[in-house]
Amino acid sequence: MKEQEILEMQRLIDEGVRRAQSRLWQRAGAAHQSLVVCRGGKILEMVPDVEQGVSDASAGDPLARRSLR
C-alpha cells in the first residue's frame, strides 16, 4: 500500500468516527440522556443540551441537571 492510500484510509476512518460521535450526541440530546466518557483518564458525564426548565444554580453541573429530569 502506498503512503497516499494509507493517509486517505486514515482520513476516511477519522471522518466516520466523527460522524458516529455526532449521531450519538444527537440521539442522547433527543432522548434527554447524558453520555459518560473517559477523557484524560477522568470519567465525565456530558449532557448534550440544556433543558428549558433548569435553574441557573445547576446550569454548570450535569449531575444536577440530570436529577431535575
N, C-alpha and C. Protein backbone atom coordinates (compact mmCIF):
# COMPACT_ATOMS: atom_id res chain seq x y z
N MET A 1 0.83 -1.17 0.00
CA MET A 1 0.00 0.00 0.00
C MET A 1 0.88 1.24 0.00
N LYS A 2 0.52 2.20 -0.80
CA LYS A 2 1.28 3.45 -0.86
C LYS A 2 0.90 4.35 0.32
N GLU A 3 1.83 5.25 0.63
CA GLU A 3 1.59 6.15 1.75
C GLU A 3 0.34 7.01 1.52
N GLN A 4 0.12 7.43 0.30
CA GLN A 4 -1.06 8.24 -0.04
C GLN A 4 -2.35 7.46 0.24
N GLU A 5 -2.38 6.17 -0.09
CA GLU A 5 -3.55 5.33 0.18
C GLU A 5 -3.79 5.18 1.68
N ILE A 6 -2.72 5.04 2.42
CA ILE A 6 -2.83 4.89 3.88
C ILE A 6 -3.40 6.17 4.48
N LEU A 7 -2.90 7.31 4.04
CA LEU A 7 -3.40 8.60 4.55
C LEU A 7 -4.88 8.79 4.21
N GLU A 8 -5.28 8.41 3.01
CA GLU A 8 -6.68 8.53 2.61
C GLU A 8 -7.56 7.61 3.44
N MET A 9 -7.10 6.39 3.70
CA MET A 9 -7.87 5.45 4.51
C MET A 9 -8.01 5.98 5.95
N GLN A 10 -6.93 6.54 6.50
CA GLN A 10 -6.99 7.10 7.84
C GLN A 10 -7.95 8.28 7.90
N ARG A 11 -7.96 9.12 6.86
CA ARG A 11 -8.88 10.25 6.80
C ARG A 11 -10.32 9.78 6.81
N LEU A 12 -10.60 8.74 6.04
CA LEU A 12 -11.96 8.19 5.98
C LEU A 12 -12.38 7.59 7.32
N ILE A 13 -11.47 6.91 7.98
CA ILE A 13 -11.77 6.34 9.29
C ILE A 13 -12.06 7.45 10.29
N ASP A 14 -11.23 8.49 10.30
CA ASP A 14 -11.44 9.61 11.22
C ASP A 14 -12.78 10.29 10.95
N GLU A 15 -13.13 10.47 9.70
CA GLU A 15 -14.41 11.08 9.34
C GLU A 15 -15.58 10.22 9.82
N GLY A 16 -15.47 8.92 9.69
CA GLY A 16 -16.51 8.01 10.16
C GLY A 16 -16.68 8.07 11.66
N VAL A 17 -15.58 8.16 12.38
CA VAL A 17 -15.64 8.25 13.84
C VAL A 17 -16.32 9.57 14.25
N ARG A 18 -15.97 10.67 13.59
CA ARG A 18 -16.61 11.96 13.90
C ARG A 18 -18.11 11.92 13.62
N ARG A 19 -18.50 11.30 12.54
CA ARG A 19 -19.93 11.17 12.22
C ARG A 19 -20.66 10.34 13.27
N ALA A 20 -20.06 9.24 13.69
CA ALA A 20 -20.68 8.38 14.70
C ALA A 20 -20.82 9.12 16.03
N GLN A 21 -19.81 9.89 16.41
CA GLN A 21 -19.89 10.67 17.64
C GLN A 21 -20.99 11.72 17.55
N SER A 22 -21.11 12.34 16.40
CA SER A 22 -22.14 13.36 16.20
C SER A 22 -23.53 12.75 16.30
N ARG A 23 -23.74 11.59 15.68
CA ARG A 23 -25.05 10.92 15.76
C ARG A 23 -25.37 10.51 17.19
N LEU A 24 -24.38 10.01 17.91
CA LEU A 24 -24.59 9.61 19.30
C LEU A 24 -24.97 10.82 20.15
N TRP A 25 -24.29 11.94 19.93
CA TRP A 25 -24.58 13.18 20.66
C TRP A 25 -26.01 13.64 20.37
N GLN A 26 -26.43 13.58 19.10
CA GLN A 26 -27.78 13.99 18.72
C GLN A 26 -28.83 13.07 19.33
N ARG A 27 -28.59 11.78 19.30
CA ARG A 27 -29.55 10.82 19.88
C ARG A 27 -29.68 11.02 21.39
N ALA A 28 -28.58 11.24 22.07
CA ALA A 28 -28.63 11.45 23.51
C ALA A 28 -29.39 12.74 23.83
N GLY A 29 -29.19 13.77 23.04
CA GLY A 29 -29.91 15.02 23.25
C GLY A 29 -31.39 14.86 23.02
N ALA A 30 -31.77 14.14 21.97
CA ALA A 30 -33.18 13.93 21.65
C ALA A 30 -33.87 13.08 22.72
N ALA A 31 -33.14 12.16 23.32
CA ALA A 31 -33.70 11.28 24.34
C ALA A 31 -33.55 11.85 25.75
N HIS A 32 -32.99 13.07 25.86
CA HIS A 32 -32.75 13.72 27.16
C HIS A 32 -31.93 12.83 28.08
N GLN A 33 -30.84 12.30 27.52
CA GLN A 33 -29.93 11.45 28.28
C GLN A 33 -28.54 12.08 28.30
N SER A 34 -27.72 11.62 29.20
CA SER A 34 -26.34 12.09 29.26
C SER A 34 -25.42 11.01 28.72
N LEU A 35 -24.20 11.42 28.39
CA LEU A 35 -23.18 10.49 27.92
C LEU A 35 -22.07 10.43 28.95
N VAL A 36 -21.55 9.26 29.23
CA VAL A 36 -20.43 9.09 30.14
C VAL A 36 -19.22 8.72 29.30
N VAL A 37 -18.16 9.53 29.40
CA VAL A 37 -16.97 9.34 28.59
C VAL A 37 -15.73 9.39 29.47
N CYS A 38 -14.65 8.88 28.95
CA CYS A 38 -13.36 8.94 29.63
C CYS A 38 -12.46 9.87 28.82
N ARG A 39 -12.01 10.96 29.44
CA ARG A 39 -11.12 11.92 28.79
C ARG A 39 -9.97 12.21 29.72
N GLY A 40 -8.77 12.01 29.23
CA GLY A 40 -7.59 12.30 30.03
C GLY A 40 -7.52 11.49 31.31
N GLY A 41 -8.06 10.29 31.30
CA GLY A 41 -8.05 9.43 32.47
C GLY A 41 -9.13 9.74 33.49
N LYS A 42 -10.03 10.68 33.17
CA LYS A 42 -11.12 11.03 34.08
C LYS A 42 -12.45 10.64 33.47
N ILE A 43 -13.37 10.18 34.30
CA ILE A 43 -14.71 9.83 33.86
C ILE A 43 -15.58 11.08 33.96
N LEU A 44 -16.22 11.44 32.84
CA LEU A 44 -17.05 12.64 32.78
C LEU A 44 -18.45 12.28 32.31
N GLU A 45 -19.45 12.93 32.89
CA GLU A 45 -20.81 12.80 32.39
C GLU A 45 -21.11 14.07 31.61
N MET A 46 -21.50 13.92 30.35
CA MET A 46 -21.77 15.06 29.49
C MET A 46 -23.25 15.10 29.14
N VAL A 47 -23.83 16.28 29.23
CA VAL A 47 -25.23 16.47 28.89
C VAL A 47 -25.28 17.22 27.56
N PRO A 48 -25.86 16.63 26.51
CA PRO A 48 -25.83 17.24 25.18
C PRO A 48 -26.52 18.59 25.07
N ASP A 49 -27.63 18.81 25.77
CA ASP A 49 -28.32 20.08 25.63
C ASP A 49 -28.85 20.53 26.98
N VAL A 50 -29.01 21.81 27.13
CA VAL A 50 -29.55 22.36 28.37
C VAL A 50 -31.05 22.43 28.23
N GLU A 51 -31.73 21.90 29.22
CA GLU A 51 -33.20 21.88 29.17
C GLU A 51 -33.76 23.24 29.56
N GLN A 52 -34.97 23.53 29.15
CA GLN A 52 -35.60 24.82 29.37
C GLN A 52 -35.86 25.09 30.84
N GLY A 53 -36.30 24.11 31.62
CA GLY A 53 -36.72 24.33 32.99
C GLY A 53 -35.62 24.25 34.02
N VAL A 54 -34.38 24.32 33.64
CA VAL A 54 -33.27 24.17 34.58
C VAL A 54 -32.91 25.52 35.16
N SER A 55 -32.72 25.58 36.47
CA SER A 55 -32.35 26.84 37.11
C SER A 55 -30.89 27.16 36.85
N ASP A 56 -30.53 28.43 37.00
CA ASP A 56 -29.16 28.87 36.78
C ASP A 56 -28.20 28.27 37.78
N ALA A 57 -28.66 27.95 38.97
CA ALA A 57 -27.79 27.40 40.01
C ALA A 57 -27.21 26.05 39.60
N SER A 58 -27.94 25.28 38.80
CA SER A 58 -27.46 23.96 38.40
C SER A 58 -27.00 23.93 36.95
N ALA A 59 -26.88 25.09 36.31
CA ALA A 59 -26.56 25.14 34.88
C ALA A 59 -25.20 24.53 34.55
N GLY A 60 -24.22 24.62 35.45
CA GLY A 60 -22.90 24.08 35.15
C GLY A 60 -22.69 22.66 35.64
N ASP A 61 -23.64 22.09 36.32
CA ASP A 61 -23.48 20.77 36.91
C ASP A 61 -24.35 19.75 36.19
N PRO A 62 -23.76 18.87 35.35
CA PRO A 62 -24.57 17.90 34.62
C PRO A 62 -25.33 16.94 35.53
N LEU A 63 -24.76 16.62 36.69
CA LEU A 63 -25.46 15.70 37.60
C LEU A 63 -26.69 16.36 38.18
N ALA A 64 -26.62 17.66 38.47
CA ALA A 64 -27.79 18.37 38.98
C ALA A 64 -28.87 18.44 37.90
N ARG A 65 -28.48 18.70 36.65
CA ARG A 65 -29.45 18.75 35.56
C ARG A 65 -30.14 17.40 35.40
N ARG A 66 -29.35 16.34 35.53
CA ARG A 66 -29.92 15.00 35.36
C ARG A 66 -30.95 14.71 36.44
N SER A 67 -30.69 15.13 37.66
CA SER A 67 -31.62 14.84 38.75
C SER A 67 -32.91 15.63 38.62
N LEU A 68 -32.91 16.72 37.86
CA LEU A 68 -34.10 17.52 37.66
C LEU A 68 -35.06 16.94 36.63
N ARG A 69 -34.62 15.96 35.89
CA ARG A 69 -35.46 15.39 34.82
C ARG A 69 -36.61 14.63 35.34
